[in-house]
């Protein structure tokens, strides 16, 4: 580079003194501002590095997160980034962090930001595009994050064959967790990638098309419109569908399941000023009831247990969430079930319960569980378990060569539970599955090691959850439930297997980090008054 070029590059850069070299010790982070840009300054092994200060998923401040080695974990939804490269290493979210130059001189630490990229808060990894003469096709069935991350990972790793995403949805991949939390969103605001992204990177997006059968011998799939498509490698990431109501009257107008963007819009529009009955006291039901509480004339939630979330989060947190929604005027009818829905002129009028009582209703929303979408695999030789989930190994491979599977539809070995086979419907896990499937399609052996991370939004508060708590025998609660500021630690076989929290950051991210490192958190440690191990 000649002197003139060097001079011009310096003019394009903004360099700010951000701290003294002695201000940070190894393993510490500091939030600094460079011309309105939030920057995360990190010191590891005596070296300083600087990356974008906000998570690329929902812009949470990473300074509130946890740092282990070269990896920072978002406190809100658990996404992980490498602090040296800025690359995303665990999910949710698609993009990496921008990186900035750091210079240490005379005990001062300076950060330089390129003026052109000053406003950029995220960075997309470089991707190649399709080469028409490459005669190889990877077909991704399903329009969720597993398919999208798989497609992006393929392009990031120089795959230049044909990539086709087929989804029965009318939209390309979108932010589905938002549907139960904010039903009246514009579709353009929840797309994970805008339409031109797919064109730019040579990813064919087939919406409104459903795969009805797979012929694994001939490597051909058949669509509902009668067309067929050949593949060299196939990803099954068709997710789950909502369990339908089985009682009489479930086909009446006004009875809804929440699955698609259109469902969410319809539930929102038809509930305004109306009487709503929500069936189901787990995440979908509770989030729907919370969302509709200030929009419907009345909301009544019917659940089969004494408290919501009783099995997953435990009775104490269940009781608290119930109180939170009661404050929002949601009524609860628990330890009960719906036996019949009665209508008038084909439209919902009332809901009959197991104890004989009757609830008036204009709208019914059911959230009573999910079923893996694997029926189309009948006759394909792809193995499924008793729940109809597709069985995969740690490389996301099914029992059939060149067929992979990912996301909510799979049953996979979970590292933190000694490779116990699990089916987990987490948004974050679907992203991770998609990446692992792509790398193994390219013969880059990679196993799924992600720690499950989940969140829910209720009555203006968030619950975060990490780990896998099934079969827990005890819950240790730190903080104060009545103040809605706590962390719950789930114990099985004398160790912590999961954690849930409210307004207690970064406790859940810290537990996720420890589980990720394979470190056992003992019951004794969980009971201790000292919470420094939680980053509190």
Protein backbone atom coordinates (compact mmCIF):
# COMPACT_ATOMS: atom_id res chain seq x y z
CA UNK A 1 0.00 0.00 0.00
CA UNK A 2 1.52 3.40 -0.93
CA UNK A 3 1.49 6.42 1.36
CA UNK A 4 -1.51 8.05 -0.33
CA UNK A 5 -3.63 4.91 0.00
CA UNK A 6 -2.62 4.54 3.63
CA UNK A 7 -3.57 8.17 4.30
CA UNK A 8 -6.97 7.73 2.63
CA UNK A 9 -7.69 4.53 4.62
CA UNK A 10 -6.94 6.43 7.84
CA UNK A 11 -9.40 9.14 6.81
CA UNK A 12 -12.06 6.46 6.29
CA UNK A 13 -11.48 5.26 9.85
CA UNK A 14 -12.53 6.70 13.15
CA UNK A 15 -10.16 5.86 16.02
CA UNK A 16 -11.24 6.39 19.62
CA UNK A 17 -9.39 5.91 22.91
CA UNK A 18 -11.72 3.57 24.82
CA UNK A 19 -9.83 2.56 27.98
CA UNK A 20 -6.50 1.89 29.64
CA UNK A 21 -4.82 -1.46 29.02
CA UNK A 22 -5.02 -2.20 32.76
CA UNK A 23 -8.78 -1.58 32.90
CA UNK A 24 -9.67 -5.11 31.81
CA UNK A 25 -8.36 -8.45 33.05
CA UNK A 26 -8.51 -11.67 31.04
CA UNK A 27 -12.08 -12.91 30.68
CA UNK A 28 -13.60 -9.45 31.14
CA UNK A 29 -15.78 -7.40 28.78
CA UNK A 30 -16.53 -3.70 28.55
CA UNK A 31 -19.21 -1.87 26.56
CA UNK A 32 -17.75 1.14 24.74
CA UNK A 33 -19.31 3.61 22.32
CA UNK A 34 -17.66 4.71 19.10
CA UNK A 35 -19.69 7.46 17.40
CA UNK A 36 -23.07 6.09 18.63
CA UNK A 37 -22.00 2.55 17.72
CA UNK A 38 -22.19 0.04 20.60
CA UNK A 39 -18.96 -1.95 20.66
CA UNK A 40 -18.06 -4.89 22.90
CA UNK A 41 -14.43 -4.78 24.00
CA UNK A 42 -13.05 -8.10 25.26
CA UNK A 43 -9.76 -9.19 26.76
CA UNK A 44 -8.74 -12.85 26.47
CA UNK A 45 -5.24 -14.25 27.07
CA UNK A 46 -3.78 -10.75 27.23
CA UNK A 47 -5.20 -9.83 23.82
CA UNK A 48 -7.90 -7.24 23.17
CA UNK A 49 -10.59 -7.69 20.52
CA UNK A 50 -13.70 -5.69 19.62
CA UNK A 51 -16.97 -6.77 18.02
CA UNK A 52 -20.48 -5.37 17.60
CA UNK A 53 -22.09 -4.88 21.00
CA UNK A 54 -25.60 -6.08 20.14
CA UNK A 55 -26.83 -9.60 19.42
CA UNK A 56 -27.82 -9.96 15.76
CA UNK A 57 -31.01 -11.80 16.71
CA UNK A 58 -33.03 -9.15 18.62
CA UNK A 59 -30.33 -6.54 19.41
CA UNK A 60 -29.85 -7.49 23.07
CA UNK A 61 -26.75 -5.90 24.69
CA UNK A 62 -24.06 -8.60 24.78
CA UNK A 63 -22.32 -6.91 27.73
CA UNK A 64 -25.09 -8.42 29.89
CA UNK A 65 -24.21 -11.90 28.59
CA UNK A 66 -21.56 -14.42 29.58
CA UNK A 67 -18.03 -14.89 28.28
CA UNK A 68 -16.32 -18.28 28.17
CA UNK A 69 -12.96 -18.39 26.38
CA UNK A 70 -13.47 -16.66 23.03
CA UNK A 71 -17.25 -17.00 23.08
CA UNK A 72 -19.89 -14.56 24.30
CA UNK A 73 -23.44 -15.80 24.88
CA UNK A 74 -26.45 -13.49 24.55
CA UNK A 75 -28.31 -13.15 27.90
CA UNK A 76 -31.76 -13.04 26.27
CA UNK A 77 -32.03 -15.94 23.81
CA UNK A 78 -28.66 -17.68 24.08
CA UNK A 79 -27.02 -16.96 20.70
CA UNK A 80 -23.21 -17.32 20.84
CA UNK A 81 -20.54 -15.35 18.98
CA UNK A 82 -16.77 -15.68 18.66
CA UNK A 83 -15.26 -12.48 20.06
CA UNK A 84 -12.21 -12.71 17.78
CA UNK A 85 -13.96 -13.33 14.45
CA UNK A 86 -17.49 -12.09 15.28
CA UNK A 87 -18.86 -15.31 13.74
CA UNK A 88 -22.12 -16.74 15.08
CA UNK A 89 -21.42 -20.12 16.72
CA UNK A 90 -24.81 -20.96 18.21
CA UNK A 91 -28.29 -19.70 17.63
CA UNK A 92 -30.94 -18.18 17.24
CA UNK A 93 -30.25 -15.56 14.56
CA UNK A 94 -28.50 -15.78 11.22
CA UNK A 95 -25.86 -13.08 11.12
CA UNK A 96 -22.41 -12.52 12.56
CA UNK A 97 -21.12 -9.50 14.47
CA UNK A 98 -19.03 -6.80 12.81
CA UNK A 99 -15.39 -6.79 14.00
CA UNK A 100 -13.27 -3.73 14.69
CA UNK A 101 -9.53 -3.05 14.80
CA UNK A 102 -7.98 -2.71 18.26
CA UNK A 103 -4.61 -1.12 18.93
CA UNK A 104 -2.78 -0.98 22.26
CA UNK A 105 -0.20 1.80 22.52
CA UNK A 106 1.53 3.25 25.58
CA UNK A 107 -0.97 1.54 27.86
CA UNK A 108 -3.95 2.97 25.96
CA UNK A 109 -6.53 0.89 24.08
CA UNK A 110 -7.90 2.32 20.81
CA UNK A 111 -10.75 1.00 18.67
CA UNK A 112 -10.97 1.91 14.97
CA UNK A 113 -14.26 1.80 13.08
CA UNK A 114 -14.59 2.13 9.32
CA UNK A 115 -16.81 5.18 8.71
CA UNK A 116 -18.59 3.40 5.83
CA UNK A 117 -19.71 0.55 8.07
CA UNK A 118 -20.38 2.69 11.13
CA UNK A 119 -24.12 2.01 11.12
CA UNK A 120 -23.84 -1.74 10.48
CA UNK A 121 -24.79 -3.82 13.50
CA UNK A 122 -24.59 -7.22 11.81
CA UNK A 123 -22.51 -8.95 9.18
CA UNK A 124 -23.51 -11.66 6.75
CA UNK A 125 -20.93 -14.36 6.09
CA UNK A 126 -19.65 -14.50 2.54
CA UNK A 127 -21.54 -16.91 0.33
CA UNK A 128 -20.96 -18.30 -3.10
CA UNK A 129 -23.81 -18.80 -5.55
CA UNK A 130 -25.03 -21.55 -7.86
CA UNK A 131 -22.97 -22.65 -10.88
CA UNK A 132 -25.29 -23.96 -13.61
CA UNK A 133 -22.79 -26.60 -14.76
CA UNK A 134 -22.61 -28.26 -11.30
CA UNK A 135 -24.94 -31.24 -11.65
CA UNK A 136 -25.87 -31.77 -8.01
CA UNK A 137 -29.11 -30.90 -6.20
CA UNK A 138 -29.80 -30.55 -2.48
CA UNK A 139 -33.51 -30.45 -1.68
CA UNK A 140 -34.64 -28.99 1.65
CA UNK A 141 -38.22 -29.89 2.58
CA UNK A 142 -39.79 -27.46 5.07
CA UNK A 143 -39.68 -23.70 5.39
CA UNK A 144 -38.31 -23.20 8.90
CA UNK A 145 -34.92 -22.11 10.26
CA UNK A 146 -33.40 -25.60 9.83
CA UNK A 147 -33.80 -25.39 6.04
CA UNK A 148 -32.66 -21.78 5.86
CA UNK A 149 -29.55 -22.25 8.03
CA UNK A 150 -28.75 -25.42 6.08
CA UNK A 151 -28.97 -23.51 2.76
CA UNK A 152 -26.86 -20.62 4.06
CA UNK A 153 -24.24 -22.96 5.55
CA UNK A 154 -23.96 -24.80 2.23
CA UNK A 155 -23.34 -21.53 0.36
CA UNK A 156 -20.90 -20.31 3.06
CA UNK A 157 -18.90 -23.49 2.49
CA UNK A 158 -18.63 -23.08 -1.29
CA UNK A 159 -21.37 -25.52 -2.32
CA UNK A 160 -22.27 -24.42 -5.86
CA UNK A 161 -24.90 -26.98 -6.76
CA UNK A 162 -28.63 -26.39 -6.89
CA UNK A 163 -30.43 -25.68 -3.57
CA UNK A 164 -34.22 -25.86 -3.44
CA UNK A 165 -36.32 -25.06 -0.35
CA UNK A 166 -39.88 -26.42 -0.60
CA UNK A 167 -42.49 -25.23 1.89
CA UNK A 168 -46.25 -25.57 2.05
CA UNK A 169 -46.33 -22.15 3.74
CA UNK A 170 -47.30 -19.13 1.68
CA UNK A 171 -44.29 -17.27 3.10
CA UNK A 172 -40.56 -18.00 2.86
CA UNK A 173 -38.92 -18.75 6.27
CA UNK A 174 -40.22 -16.37 8.94
CA UNK A 175 -39.87 -15.73 12.67
CA UNK A 176 -42.48 -18.21 13.87
CA UNK A 177 -42.09 -17.70 17.66
CA UNK A 178 -43.54 -14.22 17.13
CA UNK A 179 -46.89 -15.61 15.98
CA UNK A 180 -48.12 -16.49 19.48
CA UNK A 181 -46.60 -13.36 21.05
CA UNK A 182 -47.62 -10.71 18.47
CA UNK A 183 -50.34 -12.04 16.19
CA UNK A 184 -50.98 -8.84 14.27
CA UNK A 185 -47.54 -8.38 12.70
CA UNK A 186 -46.93 -7.53 9.06
CA UNK A 187 -45.48 -10.49 7.17
CA UNK A 188 -42.63 -8.38 5.74
CA UNK A 189 -41.42 -7.59 9.27
CA UNK A 190 -41.04 -11.25 10.31
CA UNK A 191 -39.25 -12.68 7.25
CA UNK A 192 -35.89 -14.15 8.27
CA UNK A 193 -34.48 -13.09 4.89
CA UNK A 194 -36.02 -10.78 2.31
CA UNK A 195 -37.06 -12.19 -1.09
CA UNK A 196 -34.03 -10.87 -3.01
CA UNK A 197 -31.65 -12.73 -0.66
CA UNK A 198 -32.65 -16.09 -2.18
CA UNK A 199 -32.18 -14.82 -5.73
CA UNK A 200 -28.81 -13.32 -4.92
CA UNK A 201 -27.43 -16.57 -3.50
CA UNK A 202 -29.03 -18.97 -5.96
CA UNK A 203 -31.45 -20.54 -3.49
CA UNK A 204 -34.72 -21.59 -5.12
CA UNK A 205 -37.68 -20.88 -2.84
CA UNK A 206 -40.82 -22.87 -3.64
CA UNK A 207 -43.69 -21.66 -1.44
CA UNK A 208 -47.18 -23.13 -1.33
CA UNK A 209 -45.88 -26.55 -2.39
CA UNK A 210 -46.19 -29.66 -0.24
CA UNK A 211 -44.12 -32.85 -0.55
CA UNK A 212 -46.44 -35.86 -0.35
CA UNK A 213 -44.01 -38.77 -0.85
CA UNK A 214 -40.32 -39.66 -0.99
CA UNK A 215 -38.92 -42.44 -3.18
CA UNK A 216 -35.51 -43.00 -1.60
CA UNK A 217 -34.50 -45.68 -4.14
CA UNK A 218 -34.90 -43.32 -7.12
CA UNK A 219 -34.12 -40.17 -5.09
CA UNK A 220 -37.33 -38.46 -6.15
CA UNK A 221 -39.96 -36.55 -4.18
CA UNK A 222 -43.52 -36.00 -5.32
CA UNK A 223 -45.48 -32.79 -4.63
CA UNK A 224 -49.18 -32.24 -3.97
CA UNK A 225 -49.53 -30.53 -7.36
CA UNK A 226 -48.42 -33.74 -9.12
CA UNK A 227 -44.91 -32.53 -9.99
CA UNK A 228 -41.74 -34.44 -9.04
CA UNK A 229 -38.20 -33.37 -8.18
CA UNK A 230 -34.98 -35.38 -8.17
CA UNK A 231 -32.37 -34.86 -5.46
CA UNK A 232 -28.83 -35.96 -4.66
CA UNK A 233 -29.19 -35.13 -0.98
CA UNK A 234 -32.38 -34.45 0.95
CA UNK A 235 -33.14 -32.64 4.21
CA UNK A 236 -36.43 -33.35 5.98
CA UNK A 237 -37.23 -30.36 8.17
CA UNK A 238 -41.00 -30.29 8.06
CA UNK A 239 -41.49 -29.40 11.74
CA UNK A 240 -44.64 -30.24 13.70
CA UNK A 241 -48.30 -29.43 13.38
CA UNK A 242 -50.71 -28.50 16.14
CA UNK A 243 -52.68 -31.39 17.64
CA UNK A 244 -56.28 -31.06 16.47
CA UNK A 245 -59.15 -31.03 18.97
CA UNK A 246 -60.94 -34.38 19.03
CA UNK A 247 -64.20 -33.30 20.66
CA UNK A 248 -67.54 -32.80 18.87
CA UNK A 249 -67.83 -29.30 17.37
CA UNK A 250 -64.12 -28.86 16.74
CA UNK A 251 -64.89 -28.14 13.07
CA UNK A 252 -67.14 -25.15 13.84
CA UNK A 253 -66.29 -21.71 12.48
CA UNK A 254 -64.33 -19.79 15.12
CA UNK A 255 -62.28 -22.78 16.33
CA UNK A 256 -58.59 -22.15 15.62
CA UNK A 257 -55.22 -23.84 15.80
CA UNK A 258 -52.19 -21.53 15.65
CA UNK A 259 -49.84 -22.82 12.95
CA UNK A 260 -49.44 -20.32 10.14
CA UNK A 261 -49.14 -16.59 9.66
CA UNK A 262 -52.71 -16.58 8.30
CA UNK A 263 -53.93 -18.36 11.48
CA UNK A 264 -52.35 -15.67 13.68
CA UNK A 265 -53.93 -12.83 11.67
CA UNK A 266 -57.31 -14.56 11.72
CA UNK A 267 -57.21 -15.22 15.50
CA UNK A 268 -56.28 -11.57 16.14
CA UNK A 269 -58.99 -10.15 13.86
CA UNK A 270 -61.79 -12.46 15.03
CA UNK A 271 -61.00 -12.01 18.77
CA UNK A 272 -61.26 -8.21 18.96
CA UNK A 273 -63.98 -7.39 21.47
CA UNK A 274 -65.14 -11.04 21.55
CA UNK A 275 -65.31 -13.83 24.14
CA UNK A 276 -62.32 -16.12 23.74
CA UNK A 277 -61.72 -19.56 25.23
CA UNK A 278 -58.13 -20.85 25.06
CA UNK A 279 -57.63 -24.60 25.46
CA UNK A 280 -54.22 -25.69 26.75
CA UNK A 281 -52.00 -24.34 29.55
CA UNK A 282 -48.55 -24.67 28.04
CA UNK A 283 -46.53 -22.17 26.00
CA UNK A 284 -48.81 -21.63 22.97
CA UNK A 285 -51.99 -21.43 25.06
CA UNK A 286 -50.49 -19.13 27.70
CA UNK A 287 -48.85 -16.82 25.16
CA UNK A 288 -52.07 -16.60 23.13
CA UNK A 289 -54.09 -15.83 26.28
CA UNK A 290 -51.56 -13.18 27.31
CA UNK A 291 -51.61 -11.55 23.87
CA UNK A 292 -55.41 -11.50 23.63
CA UNK A 293 -55.98 -10.34 27.23
CA UNK A 294 -56.24 -6.64 26.31
CA UNK A 295 -57.89 -7.17 22.92
CA UNK A 296 -60.75 -9.61 23.54
CA UNK A 297 -63.82 -8.81 25.66
CA UNK A 298 -62.90 -11.77 27.85
CA UNK A 299 -60.34 -14.60 27.86
CA UNK A 300 -60.85 -17.88 29.69
CA UNK A 301 -58.10 -20.50 29.68
CA UNK A 302 -58.94 -24.18 30.23
CA UNK A 303 -56.12 -26.47 31.36
CA UNK A 304 -55.80 -30.11 32.44
CA UNK A 305 -53.54 -29.54 35.49
CA UNK A 306 -53.80 -27.44 38.66
CA UNK A 307 -51.41 -24.81 37.29
CA UNK A 308 -50.07 -23.85 33.85
CA UNK A 309 -46.63 -25.26 32.90
CA UNK A 310 -46.96 -27.67 35.82
CA UNK A 311 -44.94 -30.45 34.21
CA UNK A 312 -42.33 -28.36 32.39
CA UNK A 313 -41.60 -25.50 34.82
CA UNK A 314 -43.12 -26.82 38.04
CA UNK A 315 -46.14 -25.75 40.14
CA UNK A 316 -44.55 -22.67 41.77
CA UNK A 317 -43.67 -20.94 38.49
CA UNK A 318 -46.99 -22.18 37.09
CA UNK A 319 -48.86 -20.52 39.96
CA UNK A 320 -46.92 -17.27 39.43
CA UNK A 321 -47.63 -17.13 35.66
CA UNK A 322 -51.30 -17.80 36.39
CA UNK A 323 -51.37 -14.83 38.78
CA UNK A 324 -49.63 -12.63 36.19
CA UNK A 325 -52.31 -13.39 33.60
CA UNK A 326 -55.13 -13.08 36.15
CA UNK A 327 -53.92 -9.53 36.73
CA UNK A 328 -54.52 -9.05 32.99
CA UNK A 329 -58.13 -10.23 33.48
CA UNK A 330 -57.57 -13.76 32.10
CA UNK A 331 -59.80 -16.28 33.91
CA UNK A 332 -58.56 -19.83 34.52
CA UNK A 333 -60.56 -23.05 34.65
CA UNK A 334 -57.97 -25.64 35.66
CA UNK A 335 -58.09 -29.40 36.34
CA UNK A 336 -60.64 -29.55 33.56
CA UNK A 337 -61.06 -30.42 29.90
CA UNK A 338 -63.29 -29.57 26.96
CA UNK A 339 -65.77 -32.31 26.05
CA UNK A 340 -67.83 -30.50 23.41
CA UNK A 341 -68.00 -27.24 21.47
CA UNK A 342 -71.52 -26.16 20.61
CA UNK A 343 -72.45 -23.80 17.83
CA UNK A 344 -75.24 -21.88 16.23
CA UNK A 345 -75.50 -21.55 12.44
CA UNK A 346 -72.16 -23.34 12.11
CA UNK A 347 -70.36 -20.88 14.41
CA UNK A 348 -69.00 -21.36 17.96
CA UNK A 349 -71.40 -20.38 20.72
CA UNK A 350 -70.26 -22.24 23.85
CA UNK A 351 -67.71 -24.66 25.24
CA UNK A 352 -68.80 -27.59 27.43
CA UNK A 353 -66.34 -28.78 30.10
CA UNK A 354 -65.78 -32.15 31.72
CA UNK A 355 -67.47 -31.06 34.93
CA UNK A 356 -70.60 -30.10 32.98
CA UNK A 357 -70.08 -26.34 33.20
CA UNK A 358 -70.51 -24.23 30.08
CA UNK A 359 -68.42 -21.26 28.88
CA UNK A 360 -69.79 -18.74 26.40
CA UNK A 361 -67.43 -18.33 23.45
CA UNK A 362 -67.18 -16.57 20.09
CA UNK A 363 -63.63 -17.79 19.43
CA UNK A 364 -61.78 -20.94 20.58
CA UNK A 365 -57.98 -21.20 20.33
CA UNK A 366 -56.42 -24.63 20.97
CA UNK A 367 -52.80 -25.22 21.94
CA UNK A 368 -52.73 -28.80 23.16
CA UNK A 369 -49.49 -30.19 21.78
CA UNK A 370 -47.74 -30.97 18.52
CA UNK A 371 -47.31 -33.90 16.11
CA UNK A 372 -44.20 -34.34 13.92
CA UNK A 373 -44.96 -33.87 10.20
CA UNK A 374 -43.61 -37.18 8.93
CA UNK A 375 -46.65 -38.90 7.40
CA UNK A 376 -45.36 -38.26 3.87
CA UNK A 377 -42.38 -40.54 4.61
CA UNK A 378 -44.55 -43.68 4.62
CA UNK A 379 -42.96 -46.10 2.16
CA UNK A 380 -39.65 -44.18 2.03
CA UNK A 381 -37.73 -46.54 4.41
CA UNK A 382 -36.88 -43.54 6.64
CA UNK A 383 -37.18 -44.72 10.26
CA UNK A 384 -39.47 -42.86 12.70
CA UNK A 385 -40.07 -43.47 16.41
CA UNK A 386 -43.33 -44.20 18.24
CA UNK A 387 -44.23 -40.48 18.26
CA UNK A 388 -43.63 -40.29 14.50
CA UNK A 389 -40.41 -38.25 14.95
CA UNK A 390 -37.67 -38.96 12.38
CA UNK A 391 -34.74 -40.79 13.98
CA UNK A 392 -31.31 -39.24 13.32
CA UNK A 393 -27.78 -39.73 14.66
CA UNK A 394 -25.50 -36.94 15.95
CA UNK A 395 -24.64 -36.03 12.35
CA UNK A 396 -28.37 -35.46 11.58
CA UNK A 397 -28.34 -38.50 9.26
CA UNK A 398 -31.37 -40.75 8.97
CA UNK A 399 -31.01 -44.50 8.41
CA UNK A 400 -31.24 -43.90 4.62
CA UNK A 401 -28.06 -42.73 2.79
CA UNK A 402 -28.19 -39.09 1.59
CA UNK A 403 -31.32 -38.32 3.61
CA UNK A 404 -30.82 -35.97 6.57
CA UNK A 405 -33.38 -34.52 8.95
CA UNK A 406 -33.45 -31.50 11.28
CA UNK A 407 -35.62 -29.36 13.55
CA UNK A 408 -38.84 -30.12 15.41
CA UNK A 409 -39.54 -33.24 13.32
CA UNK A 410 -36.50 -35.19 14.60
CA UNK A 411 -35.57 -37.37 17.52
CA UNK A 412 -31.83 -36.87 18.12
CA UNK A 413 -29.15 -37.77 20.71
CA UNK A 414 -28.72 -34.95 23.26
CA UNK A 415 -25.12 -34.61 24.45
CA UNK A 416 -25.90 -33.04 27.83
CA UNK A 417 -28.12 -36.02 28.70
CA UNK A 418 -25.61 -38.72 27.75
CA UNK A 419 -26.99 -38.98 24.19
CA UNK A 420 -30.52 -39.69 25.35
CA UNK A 421 -32.79 -39.53 22.30
CA UNK A 422 -35.05 -36.47 22.49
CA UNK A 423 -37.55 -34.53 20.39
CA UNK A 424 -37.21 -30.82 21.22
CA UNK A 425 -39.33 -28.16 19.53
CA UNK A 426 -36.98 -25.23 20.17
CA UNK A 427 -36.40 -22.47 17.62
CA UNK A 428 -32.72 -22.27 18.57
CA UNK A 429 -32.15 -26.01 18.21
CA UNK A 430 -33.63 -26.06 14.70
CA UNK A 431 -31.01 -23.53 13.56
CA UNK A 432 -28.22 -25.65 15.05
CA UNK A 433 -29.56 -28.82 13.41
CA UNK A 434 -29.62 -27.11 10.00
CA UNK A 435 -25.98 -26.08 10.26
CA UNK A 436 -24.83 -29.56 11.34
CA UNK A 437 -26.82 -31.24 8.55
CA UNK A 438 -25.24 -28.94 5.92
CA UNK A 439 -21.68 -29.58 7.09
CA UNK A 440 -22.22 -33.34 7.05
CA UNK A 441 -23.79 -33.16 3.57
CA UNK A 442 -20.45 -31.63 2.52
CA UNK A 443 -18.48 -34.42 4.22
CA UNK A 444 -17.27 -32.13 6.99
CA UNK A 445 -18.03 -34.43 9.97
CA UNK A 446 -19.71 -32.33 12.69
CA UNK A 447 -21.88 -33.49 15.58
CA UNK A 448 -24.81 -31.70 17.22
CA UNK A 449 -23.60 -30.39 20.60
CA UNK A 450 -25.98 -27.45 21.24
CA UNK A 451 -27.53 -26.89 24.67
CA UNK A 452 -31.30 -26.36 24.34
CA UNK A 453 -32.33 -22.73 24.96
CA UNK A 454 -35.92 -21.51 25.02
CA UNK A 455 -37.93 -18.42 25.96
CA UNK A 456 -41.50 -17.30 26.47
CA UNK A 457 -43.14 -13.87 26.81
CA UNK A 458 -46.08 -13.41 29.18
CA UNK A 459 -47.76 -10.24 30.46
CA UNK A 460 -44.74 -8.09 29.63
CA UNK A 461 -42.25 -10.45 31.30
CA UNK A 462 -39.93 -13.04 29.78
CA UNK A 463 -39.11 -16.54 30.96
CA UNK A 464 -35.80 -17.99 29.80
CA UNK A 465 -34.98 -21.67 29.91
CA UNK A 466 -31.87 -23.71 29.16
CA UNK A 467 -31.04 -27.41 29.42
CA UNK A 468 -33.34 -30.42 29.39
CA UNK A 469 -35.41 -30.84 32.52
CA UNK A 470 -37.49 -33.93 31.74
CA UNK A 471 -37.58 -36.28 34.73
CA UNK A 472 -36.39 -33.66 37.24
CA UNK A 473 -37.10 -34.61 40.85
CA UNK A 474 -36.55 -31.29 42.64
CA UNK A 475 -36.54 -27.54 41.94
CA UNK A 476 -34.29 -25.13 43.82
CA UNK A 477 -35.40 -21.49 43.50
CA UNK A 478 -33.04 -18.54 44.00
CA UNK A 479 -34.30 -14.97 44.23
CA UNK A 480 -37.94 -14.14 44.94
CA UNK A 481 -40.90 -15.52 43.04
CA UNK A 482 -43.23 -12.88 44.48
CA UNK A 483 -40.93 -10.13 43.13
CA UNK A 484 -40.87 -11.90 39.72
CA UNK A 485 -37.10 -11.99 39.86
CA UNK A 486 -35.72 -15.52 40.24
CA UNK A 487 -33.87 -18.47 38.78
CA UNK A 488 -35.17 -22.04 39.18
CA UNK A 489 -32.65 -24.88 39.02
CA UNK A 490 -33.99 -28.31 38.06
CA UNK A 491 -32.29 -31.26 39.74
CA UNK A 492 -32.06 -34.86 38.54
CA UNK A 493 -29.63 -37.45 39.97
CA UNK A 494 -28.07 -34.81 42.26
CA UNK A 495 -27.07 -32.42 39.41
CA UNK A 496 -28.66 -29.42 37.67
CA UNK A 497 -30.13 -30.48 34.32
CA UNK A 498 -31.95 -27.25 33.43
CA UNK A 499 -32.67 -23.70 34.59
CA UNK A 500 -35.51 -21.23 34.13
CA UNK A 501 -35.47 -17.56 35.08
CA UNK A 502 -37.31 -14.26 35.09
CA UNK A 503 -35.44 -10.91 35.31
CA UNK A 504 -32.37 -12.75 36.62
CA UNK A 505 -29.87 -12.34 33.79
CA UNK A 506 -27.44 -13.80 32.94
CA UNK A 507 -28.18 -16.86 35.11
CA UNK A 508 -29.73 -19.05 32.40
CA UNK A 509 -26.97 -18.22 29.90
CA UNK A 510 -24.41 -19.09 32.58
CA UNK A 511 -26.07 -22.49 33.19
CA UNK A 512 -26.11 -23.08 29.41
CA UNK A 513 -22.36 -22.31 29.29
CA UNK A 514 -21.58 -24.73 32.12
CA UNK A 515 -23.70 -27.49 30.56
CA UNK A 516 -22.04 -26.79 27.20
CA UNK A 517 -18.60 -27.29 28.77
CA UNK A 518 -19.73 -30.59 30.27
CA UNK A 519 -19.31 -29.24 33.81
CA UNK A 520 -21.58 -30.81 36.42
CA UNK A 521 -23.46 -28.31 38.59
CA UNK A 522 -24.09 -30.21 41.80
CA UNK A 523 -27.20 -29.97 43.93
CA UNK A 524 -25.00 -28.70 46.78
CA UNK A 525 -23.71 -25.89 44.55
CA UNK A 526 -27.29 -25.06 43.55
CA UNK A 527 -28.37 -24.90 47.22
CA UNK A 528 -25.46 -22.67 48.24
CA UNK A 529 -26.05 -19.01 49.19
CA UNK A 530 -23.11 -18.04 46.97
CA UNK A 531 -24.40 -17.25 43.48
CA UNK A 532 -21.12 -16.05 41.97
CA UNK A 533 -20.98 -19.21 39.83
CA UNK A 534 -24.14 -17.91 38.12
CA UNK A 535 -22.50 -14.62 37.23
CA UNK A 536 -24.80 -12.82 39.68
